[in-house]
Amino acid sequence: MSEALGNFEGLLREALAPVEPPEDLIVRLESTLTSITEMAAGELEAWELSTMRDPRNWARPAVALVAGGAAGTALVLLRARRRPHGAPSVPSIEDVRGAAERAIAELSRETRRLLGDH
């Protein structure tokens, strides 16, 4: 019984071991989100306002709007969340204030870039 318990604990420890994500995960995720945002923007640009009268034509622009908005928001948050690797574990109030100011500035830049307002 003790041997089975030890084997079970070993198997459980092995199954719950932390897994490191691939090194290029952030780059792939950012690329995918950028692609979705650009495709949604292209779909919305191609949509003609004259077709607005027929509700059957609303599906594609609605999906493009939702998908592009979600991907753009995720992209902005992903890029704004980046931080230097050597950041201290317990920041001071000045560090927090500076990080908040940088995050707001980065959110503003990314939002303007994604909306095309360089």
N, C-alpha and C. Protein backbone atom coordinates (compact mmCIF):
# COMPACT_ATOMS: atom_id res chain seq x y z
N MET A 1 0.83 -1.19 0.00
CA MET A 1 0.00 0.00 0.00
C MET A 1 0.87 1.25 0.00
N SER A 2 1.92 1.23 0.81
CA SER A 2 2.83 2.37 0.90
C SER A 2 3.55 2.60 -0.42
N GLU A 3 3.90 1.49 -1.08
CA GLU A 3 4.57 1.61 -2.37
C GLU A 3 3.65 2.23 -3.42
N ALA A 4 2.38 1.84 -3.42
CA ALA A 4 1.41 2.39 -4.36
C ALA A 4 1.20 3.88 -4.11
N LEU A 5 1.16 4.27 -2.83
CA LEU A 5 0.98 5.67 -2.47
C LEU A 5 2.18 6.49 -2.93
N GLY A 6 3.38 5.96 -2.71
CA GLY A 6 4.59 6.65 -3.17
C GLY A 6 4.62 6.79 -4.67
N ASN A 7 4.22 5.74 -5.39
CA ASN A 7 4.17 5.78 -6.84
C ASN A 7 3.12 6.81 -7.30
N PHE A 8 1.97 6.84 -6.61
CA PHE A 8 0.92 7.79 -6.95
C PHE A 8 1.41 9.22 -6.73
N GLU A 9 2.08 9.46 -5.63
CA GLU A 9 2.62 10.80 -5.34
C GLU A 9 3.64 11.21 -6.39
N GLY A 10 4.49 10.29 -6.78
CA GLY A 10 5.48 10.58 -7.82
C GLY A 10 4.82 10.92 -9.15
N LEU A 11 3.80 10.13 -9.51
CA LEU A 11 3.07 10.40 -10.75
C LEU A 11 2.35 11.75 -10.68
N LEU A 12 1.76 12.04 -9.55
CA LEU A 12 1.07 13.31 -9.38
C LEU A 12 2.04 14.48 -9.45
N ARG A 13 3.20 14.35 -8.81
CA ARG A 13 4.22 15.40 -8.84
C ARG A 13 4.70 15.63 -10.27
N GLU A 14 4.87 14.54 -11.01
CA GLU A 14 5.32 14.64 -12.40
C GLU A 14 4.25 15.29 -13.28
N ALA A 15 3.00 14.94 -13.05
CA ALA A 15 1.90 15.49 -13.85
C ALA A 15 1.69 16.97 -13.58
N LEU A 16 1.95 17.41 -12.35
CA LEU A 16 1.70 18.80 -11.98
C LEU A 16 2.95 19.68 -12.04
N ALA A 17 4.01 19.16 -12.64
CA ALA A 17 5.24 19.94 -12.76
C ALA A 17 4.99 21.13 -13.68
N PRO A 18 5.56 22.31 -13.35
CA PRO A 18 5.34 23.48 -14.20
C PRO A 18 5.90 23.26 -15.60
N VAL A 19 5.21 23.80 -16.57
CA VAL A 19 5.62 23.68 -17.96
C VAL A 19 5.99 25.07 -18.46
N GLU A 20 7.17 25.20 -19.01
CA GLU A 20 7.61 26.48 -19.56
C GLU A 20 7.01 26.66 -20.95
N PRO A 21 6.42 27.81 -21.22
CA PRO A 21 5.87 28.04 -22.56
C PRO A 21 7.02 28.19 -23.57
N PRO A 22 6.73 27.94 -24.83
CA PRO A 22 7.77 28.13 -25.85
C PRO A 22 8.27 29.57 -25.84
N GLU A 23 9.54 29.74 -26.17
CA GLU A 23 10.14 31.08 -26.13
C GLU A 23 9.49 32.03 -27.12
N ASP A 24 9.00 31.52 -28.23
CA ASP A 24 8.42 32.38 -29.25
C ASP A 24 6.90 32.54 -29.10
N LEU A 25 6.35 32.12 -27.97
CA LEU A 25 4.90 32.20 -27.77
C LEU A 25 4.39 33.63 -27.85
N ILE A 26 5.04 34.56 -27.19
CA ILE A 26 4.60 35.96 -27.21
C ILE A 26 4.66 36.52 -28.63
N VAL A 27 5.71 36.20 -29.35
CA VAL A 27 5.85 36.70 -30.72
C VAL A 27 4.75 36.13 -31.60
N ARG A 28 4.47 34.82 -31.47
CA ARG A 28 3.41 34.19 -32.27
C ARG A 28 2.04 34.75 -31.89
N LEU A 29 1.80 34.94 -30.60
CA LEU A 29 0.52 35.48 -30.16
C LEU A 29 0.33 36.91 -30.67
N GLU A 30 1.38 37.71 -30.56
CA GLU A 30 1.32 39.09 -31.04
C GLU A 30 1.08 39.13 -32.55
N SER A 31 1.74 38.26 -33.27
CA SER A 31 1.58 38.19 -34.72
C SER A 31 0.15 37.79 -35.09
N THR A 32 -0.40 36.81 -34.39
CA THR A 32 -1.75 36.36 -34.66
C THR A 32 -2.77 37.45 -34.35
N LEU A 33 -2.61 38.13 -33.21
CA LEU A 33 -3.52 39.20 -32.84
C LEU A 33 -3.44 40.36 -33.84
N THR A 34 -2.23 40.69 -34.28
CA THR A 34 -2.07 41.75 -35.27
C THR A 34 -2.75 41.36 -36.58
N SER A 35 -2.60 40.12 -36.99
CA SER A 35 -3.21 39.64 -38.22
C SER A 35 -4.74 39.70 -38.13
N ILE A 36 -5.30 39.27 -37.01
CA ILE A 36 -6.76 39.32 -36.83
C ILE A 36 -7.25 40.76 -36.87
N THR A 37 -6.54 41.65 -36.19
CA THR A 37 -6.92 43.06 -36.17
C THR A 37 -6.88 43.66 -37.57
N GLU A 38 -5.83 43.35 -38.33
CA GLU A 38 -5.71 43.88 -39.68
C GLU A 38 -6.78 43.32 -40.61
N MET A 39 -7.09 42.02 -40.48
CA MET A 39 -8.13 41.42 -41.31
C MET A 39 -9.49 42.03 -40.98
N ALA A 40 -9.76 42.24 -39.70
CA ALA A 40 -11.03 42.85 -39.31
C ALA A 40 -11.13 44.28 -39.83
N ALA A 41 -10.04 45.02 -39.75
CA ALA A 41 -10.04 46.39 -40.27
C ALA A 41 -10.27 46.39 -41.78
N GLY A 42 -9.65 45.46 -42.47
CA GLY A 42 -9.85 45.34 -43.92
C GLY A 42 -11.29 45.00 -44.26
N GLU A 43 -11.90 44.12 -43.48
CA GLU A 43 -13.29 43.76 -43.70
C GLU A 43 -14.20 44.96 -43.48
N LEU A 44 -13.93 45.72 -42.44
CA LEU A 44 -14.75 46.90 -42.16
C LEU A 44 -14.56 47.99 -43.21
N GLU A 45 -13.34 48.12 -43.73
CA GLU A 45 -13.09 49.11 -44.78
C GLU A 45 -13.81 48.75 -46.06
N ALA A 46 -13.91 47.45 -46.35
CA ALA A 46 -14.53 47.00 -47.59
C ALA A 46 -16.06 47.06 -47.52
N TRP A 47 -16.59 47.19 -46.33
CA TRP A 47 -18.05 47.19 -46.16
C TRP A 47 -18.62 48.51 -46.63
N GLU A 48 -19.68 48.45 -47.39
CA GLU A 48 -20.30 49.66 -47.91
C GLU A 48 -21.51 50.02 -47.06
N LEU A 49 -21.64 51.29 -46.74
CA LEU A 49 -22.74 51.75 -45.90
C LEU A 49 -24.09 51.60 -46.60
N SER A 50 -24.09 51.53 -47.90
CA SER A 50 -25.36 51.39 -48.63
C SER A 50 -26.03 50.05 -48.33
N THR A 51 -25.28 49.07 -47.89
CA THR A 51 -25.84 47.75 -47.58
C THR A 51 -26.42 47.69 -46.17
N MET A 52 -26.36 48.76 -45.44
CA MET A 52 -26.82 48.80 -44.05
C MET A 52 -28.32 48.57 -43.94
N ARG A 53 -29.07 48.86 -44.97
CA ARG A 53 -30.53 48.72 -44.91
C ARG A 53 -30.97 47.27 -44.74
N ASP A 54 -30.20 46.34 -45.25
CA ASP A 54 -30.57 44.93 -45.18
C ASP A 54 -29.87 44.26 -44.00
N PRO A 55 -30.60 43.85 -42.96
CA PRO A 55 -29.97 43.23 -41.78
C PRO A 55 -29.22 41.94 -42.09
N ARG A 56 -29.51 41.30 -43.19
CA ARG A 56 -28.77 40.08 -43.54
C ARG A 56 -27.31 40.38 -43.83
N ASN A 57 -27.00 41.61 -44.16
CA ASN A 57 -25.63 42.00 -44.47
C ASN A 57 -24.85 42.47 -43.24
N TRP A 58 -25.45 42.43 -42.07
CA TRP A 58 -24.81 42.95 -40.87
C TRP A 58 -23.88 41.94 -40.21
N ALA A 59 -24.00 40.66 -40.54
CA ALA A 59 -23.25 39.63 -39.83
C ALA A 59 -21.73 39.79 -39.99
N ARG A 60 -21.26 39.91 -41.20
CA ARG A 60 -19.80 40.00 -41.42
C ARG A 60 -19.18 41.23 -40.75
N PRO A 61 -19.77 42.42 -40.92
CA PRO A 61 -19.19 43.57 -40.23
C PRO A 61 -19.28 43.45 -38.71
N ALA A 62 -20.35 42.86 -38.22
CA ALA A 62 -20.49 42.69 -36.77
C ALA A 62 -19.42 41.76 -36.23
N VAL A 63 -19.20 40.65 -36.93
CA VAL A 63 -18.15 39.71 -36.51
C VAL A 63 -16.78 40.38 -36.61
N ALA A 64 -16.55 41.12 -37.69
CA ALA A 64 -15.27 41.81 -37.86
C ALA A 64 -15.06 42.84 -36.75
N LEU A 65 -16.12 43.52 -36.38
CA LEU A 65 -16.02 44.52 -35.32
C LEU A 65 -15.70 43.87 -33.98
N VAL A 66 -16.39 42.79 -33.66
CA VAL A 66 -16.16 42.10 -32.38
C VAL A 66 -14.77 41.45 -32.37
N ALA A 67 -14.43 40.73 -33.43
CA ALA A 67 -13.12 40.05 -33.48
C ALA A 67 -11.98 41.05 -33.49
N GLY A 68 -12.12 42.08 -34.29
CA GLY A 68 -11.06 43.10 -34.35
C GLY A 68 -10.92 43.85 -33.05
N GLY A 69 -12.04 44.16 -32.43
CA GLY A 69 -12.00 44.86 -31.14
C GLY A 69 -11.36 44.00 -30.06
N ALA A 70 -11.75 42.73 -30.02
CA ALA A 70 -11.17 41.83 -29.01
C ALA A 70 -9.68 41.62 -29.25
N ALA A 71 -9.30 41.37 -30.51
CA ALA A 71 -7.88 41.15 -30.83
C ALA A 71 -7.07 42.42 -30.59
N GLY A 72 -7.62 43.56 -30.96
CA GLY A 72 -6.91 44.83 -30.73
C GLY A 72 -6.73 45.12 -29.26
N THR A 73 -7.77 44.87 -28.48
CA THR A 73 -7.67 45.07 -27.03
C THR A 73 -6.64 44.13 -26.42
N ALA A 74 -6.68 42.86 -26.82
CA ALA A 74 -5.71 41.90 -26.31
C ALA A 74 -4.29 42.29 -26.70
N LEU A 75 -4.12 42.78 -27.91
CA LEU A 75 -2.80 43.21 -28.38
C LEU A 75 -2.29 44.40 -27.58
N VAL A 76 -3.17 45.36 -27.34
CA VAL A 76 -2.78 46.53 -26.54
C VAL A 76 -2.39 46.09 -25.13
N LEU A 77 -3.18 45.23 -24.52
CA LEU A 77 -2.87 44.76 -23.17
C LEU A 77 -1.59 43.93 -23.14
N LEU A 78 -1.39 43.11 -24.14
CA LEU A 78 -0.18 42.28 -24.20
C LEU A 78 1.06 43.15 -24.30
N ARG A 79 1.02 44.14 -25.16
CA ARG A 79 2.19 45.01 -25.32
C ARG A 79 2.39 45.92 -24.12
N ALA A 80 1.30 46.36 -23.50
CA ALA A 80 1.41 47.24 -22.34
C ALA A 80 1.91 46.48 -21.11
N ARG A 81 1.68 45.19 -21.08
CA ARG A 81 2.06 44.39 -19.91
C ARG A 81 3.55 44.04 -19.88
N ARG A 82 4.20 44.19 -21.02
CA ARG A 82 5.64 43.89 -21.05
C ARG A 82 6.37 44.75 -20.02
N ARG A 83 7.32 44.15 -19.38
CA ARG A 83 8.12 44.90 -18.41
C ARG A 83 9.55 44.42 -18.48
N PRO A 84 10.48 45.22 -18.01
CA PRO A 84 11.89 44.80 -18.05
C PRO A 84 12.10 43.55 -17.21
N HIS A 85 13.05 42.72 -17.62
CA HIS A 85 13.33 41.47 -16.92
C HIS A 85 13.93 41.68 -15.54
N GLY A 86 14.62 42.75 -15.31
CA GLY A 86 15.30 42.97 -14.04
C GLY A 86 14.48 43.79 -13.06
N ALA A 87 13.15 43.79 -13.20
CA ALA A 87 12.32 44.60 -12.31
C ALA A 87 12.36 44.07 -10.89
N PRO A 88 12.44 44.95 -9.89
CA PRO A 88 12.49 44.50 -8.50
C PRO A 88 11.16 43.84 -8.11
N SER A 89 11.22 42.89 -7.16
CA SER A 89 10.02 42.15 -6.78
C SER A 89 9.09 42.97 -5.89
N VAL A 90 9.62 43.88 -5.05
CA VAL A 90 8.78 44.74 -4.22
C VAL A 90 9.07 46.19 -4.62
N PRO A 91 8.22 46.75 -5.49
CA PRO A 91 8.49 48.09 -5.99
C PRO A 91 8.13 49.17 -4.97
N SER A 92 8.80 50.29 -5.09
CA SER A 92 8.47 51.44 -4.25
C SER A 92 7.30 52.18 -4.87
N ILE A 93 6.76 53.16 -4.15
CA ILE A 93 5.63 53.93 -4.67
C ILE A 93 6.01 54.70 -5.93
N GLU A 94 7.27 55.16 -6.00
CA GLU A 94 7.73 55.86 -7.20
C GLU A 94 7.79 54.90 -8.39
N ASP A 95 8.22 53.65 -8.11
CA ASP A 95 8.25 52.66 -9.18
C ASP A 95 6.85 52.35 -9.70
N VAL A 96 5.90 52.25 -8.78
CA VAL A 96 4.52 51.96 -9.17
C VAL A 96 3.94 53.12 -9.98
N ARG A 97 4.19 54.33 -9.53
CA ARG A 97 3.70 55.51 -10.24
C ARG A 97 4.32 55.58 -11.64
N GLY A 98 5.62 55.35 -11.72
CA GLY A 98 6.31 55.38 -13.01
C GLY A 98 5.79 54.28 -13.94
N ALA A 99 5.56 53.09 -13.38
CA ALA A 99 5.04 51.98 -14.19
C ALA A 99 3.64 52.30 -14.69
N ALA A 100 2.82 52.90 -13.83
CA ALA A 100 1.46 53.27 -14.24
C ALA A 100 1.50 54.32 -15.35
N GLU A 101 2.38 55.31 -15.21
CA GLU A 101 2.49 56.34 -16.24
C GLU A 101 2.97 55.75 -17.56
N ARG A 102 3.94 54.84 -17.48
CA ARG A 102 4.43 54.19 -18.70
C ARG A 102 3.36 53.32 -19.33
N ALA A 103 2.59 52.61 -18.50
CA ALA A 103 1.52 51.75 -19.02
C ALA A 103 0.45 52.58 -19.72
N ILE A 104 0.08 53.70 -19.13
CA ILE A 104 -0.93 54.56 -19.74
C ILE A 104 -0.40 55.14 -21.06
N ALA A 105 0.86 55.55 -21.06
CA ALA A 105 1.45 56.08 -22.29
C ALA A 105 1.51 55.00 -23.36
N GLU A 106 1.89 53.78 -22.98
CA GLU A 106 1.97 52.67 -23.94
C GLU A 106 0.58 52.31 -24.46
N LEU A 107 -0.41 52.28 -23.58
CA LEU A 107 -1.78 52.02 -24.03
C LEU A 107 -2.24 53.07 -25.03
N SER A 108 -1.92 54.31 -24.74
CA SER A 108 -2.29 55.40 -25.63
C SER A 108 -1.61 55.25 -26.99
N ARG A 109 -0.28 54.96 -26.98
CA ARG A 109 0.45 54.79 -28.24
C ARG A 109 -0.09 53.62 -29.05
N GLU A 110 -0.32 52.48 -28.40
CA GLU A 110 -0.79 51.30 -29.10
C GLU A 110 -2.20 51.51 -29.65
N THR A 111 -3.05 52.17 -28.88
CA THR A 111 -4.41 52.44 -29.34
C THR A 111 -4.38 53.34 -30.56
N ARG A 112 -3.56 54.41 -30.51
CA ARG A 112 -3.45 55.31 -31.66
C ARG A 112 -2.88 54.58 -32.86
N ARG A 113 -1.90 53.71 -32.64
CA ARG A 113 -1.28 52.97 -33.75
C ARG A 113 -2.30 52.01 -34.38
N LEU A 114 -3.05 51.31 -33.54
CA LEU A 114 -4.02 50.36 -34.08
C LEU A 114 -5.18 51.06 -34.78
N LEU A 115 -5.52 52.23 -34.33
CA LEU A 115 -6.61 52.98 -34.96
C LEU A 115 -6.13 53.78 -36.16
N GLY A 116 -4.82 53.81 -36.38
CA GLY A 116 -4.27 54.50 -37.54
C GLY A 116 -4.03 55.97 -37.31
N ASP A 117 -4.09 56.45 -36.08
CA ASP A 117 -3.84 57.85 -35.74
C ASP A 117 -2.41 58.00 -35.27
N HIS A 118 -1.46 57.95 -36.17
CA HIS A 118 -0.05 58.03 -35.81
C HIS A 118 0.18 59.37 -35.23
